[in-house]
Amino acid sequence: MAPHLFFYSLSFKLLTMKKHLFLVLTTSFLTGYLNAQVEIRLGNTGSSSDISGTEHVEIVSSDQLVSVVFQIKNTSGASHNYTIRRDRLIEMPVWTDYFCWAVCYPESNMNINSWTAPDPLAIASNGTQLLMVDTDTHGSGTELYRYYVINHDNSTLQDSIDVRITSVLSVNDQHQEEIAIAVYPNPVANSLTIAANGVDGVFDIKMTDVLGKVILNESSNQTKKVVDVSNFKNGVYLVSVFSKGELVQTRRVVIKH
């Protein structure tokens, strides 16, 4: 065979092999999405449409705690164990985040990128479970997360949802910089102190659980308010302070008896 024909034949074979390998890898990667057997809906009621594979956007004032709840539905026709993996696609150095899936994992466990919950959660056929994701913003900026739903039984990727958090400076930020909201001790067993320094006059306190249910709704005309939480269930709660009807700050607290 002539040298130029030999090299042409070899190049053609290598190109064919590369195309075949690319097709195999692409098909394998997409199999989980094409055969996705879960639905992801916004909110704890599941009333919204399936938003699997899309991006959810939250735009907030700086130094706010952002909490988003998704409902994960198993549509496979059989019971499976599922886990969640969080990847940070865009990172802000001083921001922190965590999520609740079966249990609420502390931020200290999630410092690394591409972090997977170690506790899979069983979901029956057509059953649902809630995924709550939190981001504590500091200053202006954007952080982008991707949450993967993984079938723990066979380690296959089922679907994902992106969450983009953008924190911006608002007209109220200069005033809010003079306000300091503290919630302590944290974790708390019996008495929770909520201190609101810099708030003029009466301020309102709303405390909700991870499902958005209002557990406490009170007002105070003092700089500190002590709340008895001895009868509250163990878990993660959000404490929001309002001044003159406007949200000042939100803090997360863990009740553990």
Protein backbone atom coordinates (compact mmCIF):
# COMPACT_ATOMS: atom_id res chain seq x y z
CA MET A 1 0.00 0.00 0.00
CA ALA A 2 1.26 3.47 -0.85
CA PRO A 3 2.41 5.47 2.21
CA HIS A 4 -0.17 8.21 1.73
CA LEU A 5 -2.98 5.64 1.44
CA PHE A 6 -1.76 3.91 4.61
CA PHE A 7 -1.81 7.10 6.66
CA TYR A 8 -5.19 8.06 5.21
CA SER A 9 -6.63 4.67 6.20
CA LEU A 10 -5.12 4.94 9.71
CA SER A 11 -6.44 8.48 10.20
CA PHE A 12 -9.91 7.41 9.06
CA LYS A 13 -9.93 4.48 11.52
CA LEU A 14 -8.81 6.72 14.42
CA LEU A 15 -11.46 9.30 13.56
CA THR A 16 -14.12 6.59 13.43
CA MET A 17 -12.98 5.22 16.82
CA LYS A 18 -13.11 8.72 18.37
CA LYS A 19 -16.62 9.30 17.05
CA HIS A 20 -17.76 5.92 18.37
CA LEU A 21 -16.18 6.57 21.79
CA PHE A 22 -17.76 10.04 21.96
CA LEU A 23 -21.15 8.57 21.10
CA VAL A 24 -20.83 5.90 23.79
CA LEU A 25 -19.76 8.40 26.47
CA THR A 26 -22.47 10.90 25.51
CA THR A 27 -25.14 8.20 25.50
CA SER A 28 -24.01 6.92 28.90
CA PHE A 29 -24.00 10.43 30.38
CA LEU A 30 -27.47 11.24 29.07
CA THR A 31 -29.05 7.93 30.07
CA GLY A 32 -29.81 9.15 33.59
CA TYR A 33 -31.58 12.27 32.27
CA LEU A 34 -33.40 10.51 29.43
CA ASN A 35 -34.67 7.88 31.86
CA ALA A 36 -35.22 10.32 34.71
CA GLN A 37 -37.73 8.88 37.12
CA VAL A 38 -38.12 11.80 39.49
CA GLU A 39 -39.88 15.15 39.34
CA ILE A 40 -38.68 18.31 41.07
CA ARG A 41 -41.28 20.91 42.03
CA LEU A 42 -40.94 24.22 43.85
CA GLY A 43 -42.45 24.51 47.33
CA ASN A 44 -43.60 21.98 49.90
CA THR A 45 -47.03 21.39 48.32
CA GLY A 46 -45.86 20.25 44.91
CA SER A 47 -48.48 22.40 43.20
CA SER A 48 -46.05 23.90 40.67
CA SER A 49 -44.97 22.29 37.41
CA ASP A 50 -41.97 19.97 37.10
CA ILE A 51 -38.83 22.15 36.97
CA SER A 52 -36.25 19.38 36.70
CA GLY A 53 -33.15 20.46 34.81
CA THR A 54 -33.94 24.17 35.04
CA GLU A 55 -32.57 27.09 37.07
CA HIS A 56 -34.35 28.68 40.02
CA VAL A 57 -33.33 32.29 40.74
CA GLU A 58 -33.54 34.22 44.02
CA ILE A 59 -32.60 37.93 44.18
CA VAL A 60 -32.28 39.27 47.71
CA SER A 61 -30.90 42.20 49.65
CA SER A 62 -27.37 41.68 50.97
CA ASP A 63 -26.74 39.79 54.21
CA GLN A 64 -29.92 37.74 54.01
CA LEU A 65 -30.58 34.07 54.66
CA VAL A 66 -32.21 32.52 51.60
CA SER A 67 -34.23 29.34 52.08
CA VAL A 68 -35.78 27.41 49.17
CA VAL A 69 -37.85 24.21 49.44
CA PHE A 70 -38.25 21.67 46.64
CA GLN A 71 -40.46 18.61 46.50
CA ILE A 72 -38.83 15.49 45.04
CA LYS A 73 -41.28 12.91 43.63
CA ASN A 74 -40.43 9.32 42.75
CA THR A 75 -42.21 8.45 39.48
CA SER A 76 -40.34 5.19 38.81
CA GLY A 77 -43.13 2.83 39.86
CA ALA A 78 -41.04 1.27 42.64
CA SER A 79 -39.60 2.34 45.98
CA HIS A 80 -36.00 3.57 45.91
CA ASN A 81 -33.44 5.20 48.16
CA TYR A 82 -32.31 8.62 47.01
CA THR A 83 -29.53 10.96 48.02
CA ILE A 84 -28.57 14.53 47.10
CA ARG A 85 -25.28 15.93 45.81
CA ARG A 86 -24.50 19.66 45.90
CA ASP A 87 -21.99 21.26 43.53
CA ARG A 88 -21.01 24.94 43.72
CA LEU A 89 -20.68 26.16 40.14
CA ILE A 90 -20.06 29.79 41.15
CA GLU A 91 -18.67 30.46 44.62
CA MET A 92 -18.59 33.46 46.94
CA PRO A 93 -15.75 33.03 49.46
CA VAL A 94 -17.57 34.26 52.58
CA TRP A 95 -21.00 32.80 51.86
CA THR A 96 -22.15 29.61 53.58
CA ASP A 97 -24.79 27.07 52.61
CA TYR A 98 -26.33 23.80 53.74
CA PHE A 99 -29.31 21.59 52.91
CA CYS A 100 -31.76 19.27 54.66
CA TRP A 101 -32.38 15.80 53.24
CA ALA A 102 -33.53 13.29 55.84
CA VAL A 103 -31.48 15.37 58.29
CA CYS A 104 -30.07 18.90 58.21
CA TYR A 105 -26.34 18.79 57.65
CA PRO A 106 -24.20 21.46 59.35
CA GLU A 107 -22.23 23.91 57.24
CA SER A 108 -18.96 22.56 58.67
CA ASN A 109 -19.63 19.24 56.90
CA MET A 110 -20.18 20.89 53.54
CA ASN A 111 -17.07 23.05 53.16
CA ILE A 112 -15.83 20.94 50.27
CA ASN A 113 -17.30 21.29 46.81
CA SER A 114 -19.27 18.45 45.24
CA TRP A 115 -20.65 17.20 48.57
CA THR A 116 -23.06 14.25 48.80
CA ALA A 117 -25.44 13.59 51.69
CA PRO A 118 -24.33 10.36 53.43
CA ASP A 119 -27.87 9.40 54.48
CA PRO A 120 -30.08 8.16 51.61
CA LEU A 121 -33.81 8.68 52.01
CA ALA A 122 -36.42 6.12 50.93
CA ILE A 123 -39.21 7.38 48.67
CA ALA A 124 -42.08 5.05 47.82
CA SER A 125 -43.53 4.82 44.33
CA ASN A 126 -45.31 8.15 43.62
CA GLY A 127 -44.18 9.32 47.03
CA THR A 128 -42.46 12.60 47.81
CA GLN A 129 -39.80 14.04 50.09
CA LEU A 130 -38.69 17.61 50.69
CA LEU A 131 -35.28 19.11 49.97
CA MET A 132 -34.58 22.41 51.74
CA VAL A 133 -31.55 24.42 50.62
CA ASP A 134 -30.20 27.42 52.53
CA THR A 135 -27.68 30.11 51.65
CA ASP A 136 -26.39 32.74 54.08
CA THR A 137 -25.27 35.71 51.97
CA HIS A 138 -22.66 38.27 53.02
CA GLY A 139 -22.34 41.33 50.83
CA SER A 140 -23.32 41.54 47.18
CA GLY A 141 -22.54 38.82 44.66
CA THR A 142 -23.84 35.65 43.03
CA GLU A 143 -23.48 32.00 43.92
CA LEU A 144 -24.74 29.17 41.70
CA TYR A 145 -25.48 25.68 43.03
CA ARG A 146 -26.53 22.47 41.30
CA TYR A 147 -28.38 19.83 43.32
CA TYR A 148 -28.34 16.33 41.84
CA VAL A 149 -30.93 13.70 42.76
CA ILE A 150 -29.17 10.31 42.75
CA ASN A 151 -30.72 6.85 42.97
CA HIS A 152 -28.63 5.41 45.81
CA ASP A 153 -29.67 1.82 44.98
CA ASN A 154 -27.87 1.80 41.62
CA SER A 155 -25.82 5.04 41.83
CA THR A 156 -27.55 6.56 38.80
CA LEU A 157 -28.15 10.25 38.29
CA GLN A 158 -31.88 10.93 38.05
CA ASP A 159 -32.12 14.70 37.56
CA SER A 160 -30.97 18.05 38.91
CA ILE A 161 -32.01 21.59 39.74
CA ASP A 162 -29.85 24.73 39.66
CA VAL A 163 -30.28 27.46 42.28
CA ARG A 164 -28.80 30.90 41.56
CA ILE A 165 -28.64 33.28 44.53
CA THR A 166 -27.90 36.93 43.75
CA SER A 167 -27.42 39.38 46.61
CA VAL A 168 -27.64 43.08 45.76
CA LEU A 169 -27.33 46.33 47.67
CA SER A 170 -30.73 47.90 48.31
CA VAL A 171 -31.77 51.37 49.42
CA ASN A 172 -32.29 50.01 52.90
CA ASP A 173 -28.86 48.43 53.23
CA GLN A 174 -27.23 51.52 54.73
CA HIS A 175 -29.85 51.61 57.45
CA GLN A 176 -29.67 47.86 57.99
CA GLU A 177 -25.91 48.02 58.49
CA GLU A 178 -26.71 49.88 61.71
CA ILE A 179 -29.00 47.04 62.84
CA ALA A 180 -27.59 43.95 64.53
CA ILE A 181 -29.80 40.89 64.95
CA ALA A 182 -28.52 38.15 67.23
CA VAL A 183 -30.19 34.83 68.07
CA TYR A 184 -28.64 32.78 70.86
CA PRO A 185 -27.78 30.26 72.14
CA ASN A 186 -27.61 28.22 68.97
CA PRO A 187 -28.30 25.31 69.24
CA VAL A 188 -30.90 26.01 71.93
CA ALA A 189 -32.80 23.70 74.26
CA ASN A 190 -35.10 25.89 76.38
CA SER A 191 -34.81 29.69 76.22
CA LEU A 192 -33.97 31.49 72.99
CA THR A 193 -32.90 35.14 73.13
CA ILE A 194 -33.56 37.37 70.13
CA ALA A 195 -31.69 40.68 70.30
CA ALA A 196 -32.48 43.50 67.88
CA ASN A 197 -30.07 46.38 68.39
CA GLY A 198 -30.68 49.45 66.24
CA VAL A 199 -34.35 48.74 65.54
CA ASP A 200 -36.58 51.73 66.30
CA GLY A 201 -39.65 51.06 68.44
CA VAL A 202 -41.61 47.82 68.23
CA PHE A 203 -40.25 44.94 66.15
CA ASP A 204 -42.05 41.78 65.08
CA ILE A 205 -40.69 38.25 65.30
CA LYS A 206 -41.82 35.37 63.08
CA MET A 207 -40.47 31.88 63.56
CA THR A 208 -41.11 29.15 60.98
CA ASP A 209 -40.10 25.53 60.56
CA VAL A 210 -38.44 24.13 57.43
CA LEU A 211 -41.85 23.56 55.84
CA GLY A 212 -42.78 27.21 56.17
CA LYS A 213 -45.29 26.67 58.98
CA VAL A 214 -45.43 29.66 61.33
CA ILE A 215 -44.54 28.46 64.85
CA LEU A 216 -44.28 31.85 66.54
CA ASN A 217 -45.54 35.33 65.68
CA GLU A 218 -44.98 37.96 68.38
CA SER A 219 -43.97 41.60 68.89
CA SER A 220 -41.54 43.26 71.28
CA ASN A 221 -40.79 46.84 72.30
CA GLN A 222 -37.56 45.85 74.03
CA THR A 223 -34.15 45.31 72.47
CA LYS A 224 -34.24 41.68 73.61
CA LYS A 225 -36.98 39.07 73.51
CA VAL A 226 -36.73 35.71 75.30
CA VAL A 227 -38.78 32.90 73.77
CA ASP A 228 -39.56 29.61 75.52
CA VAL A 229 -38.84 26.84 72.99
CA SER A 230 -38.82 23.94 75.45
CA ASN A 231 -42.00 22.53 73.88
CA PHE A 232 -40.83 22.96 70.28
CA LYS A 233 -39.78 19.90 68.33
CA ASN A 234 -36.12 19.33 67.57
CA GLY A 235 -35.12 20.70 64.20
CA VAL A 236 -34.09 23.72 62.17
CA TYR A 237 -36.11 26.94 62.36
CA LEU A 238 -35.92 30.34 60.70
CA VAL A 239 -36.26 33.45 62.88
CA SER A 240 -37.22 36.60 60.95
CA VAL A 241 -37.26 40.09 62.45
CA PHE A 242 -39.51 42.78 60.94
CA SER A 243 -39.49 46.52 61.58
CA LYS A 244 -42.46 48.62 60.44
CA GLY A 245 -43.66 45.76 58.29
CA GLU A 246 -40.36 45.27 56.46
CA LEU A 247 -38.03 42.30 56.83
CA VAL A 248 -34.82 43.31 58.59
CA GLN A 249 -32.89 40.03 58.83
CA THR A 250 -33.42 36.28 59.05
CA ARG A 251 -31.42 33.94 61.22
CA ARG A 252 -31.33 30.16 61.36
CA VAL A 253 -31.53 28.37 64.71
CA VAL A 254 -31.34 24.71 65.69
CA ILE A 255 -33.52 23.45 68.53
CA LYS A 256 -32.05 20.40 70.22
CA HIS A 257 -33.35 19.16 73.57
